[in-house]
Amino acid sequence: MQSSFSFHYLRILVAFLLPVWLISACAPSRFVKPLDKGQTVVSASLGGPLILFANTTIPMPLTSVAVGHGFKEGFTGFAGLHTTALAFGVLQTDIGFVKNVNKQKGWVPGVSVSPVANLMMDKWQGKFSFFPQVDANAYWSYPKKPHFVYFGVSNWFDLNSKRSQGDPQKTHWFPIMQLGNTIVQRKWSYSIEVKFAPKINHPVIVDYQGFGTGTALGAYIGVSRKF
């Protein structure tokens, strides 16, 4: 990585990046399966959309933390904080819950839904933004193991009439597909997830990598601790 990737460059990049659709891909799925009743989990993640930088494709090194609590069987509430954004002057949180709508039976997957409120405020203009999001995931547990794989769709909605640069917002729904695997241990869990966005907001200021023009891929790793 070249030295031109300075603190100033990253600050500008984050400031422009956060108000567009990729906010929904700045963190992996918070919770795919609801926690046990009374269980609390703290998690941290690293990764982001793939970009072309210095002739190399890399995931943006965005970090976030989250905490979730199982309030009852099949229902978990959670809140996340995007720490990279916070370091560069943007308070960005995601608050929501995940609810089981179907338990796994053999090869028939378990299914969960997760409404999320994404909230942002920057320190320069004090601008507040709200982006609703609804995720749906199907998951399969390993035979005789607590580990699981999952596949789902994250539906990101931009209700604003204009984009952050003042251009008209012509697209208000951005679907993002996700595929992940979680290794579950007694206290710790480890996850890897990839995301694919079939359409992104234009224009953008970095060269996102995907399958063809106007798409983007993301890669993330995460670790969580049960309490």
Foldseek 3Di string as FASTA:
>chain_A
DDPVCDPVVVLVQLVQPCQWPQVVFLFPDPDFFADAAFKKKKKKKFFGWWFQDPNDTGTPGWMKIKMWHHNHVFKIWMKMFGVVSVVSFKTKMKTWMKGWPAPDDVPFWTKIKIKIWIWMAGPPPRDIDIKIKMKMKTKDADVVFRKIKIKIKIKIFDPDQATPVGHGDPDGIWIKIKIKIWHDDPFKIKMKMKIKTPATDPDHDTGADDDDPGMIMMIMMMMMTMD
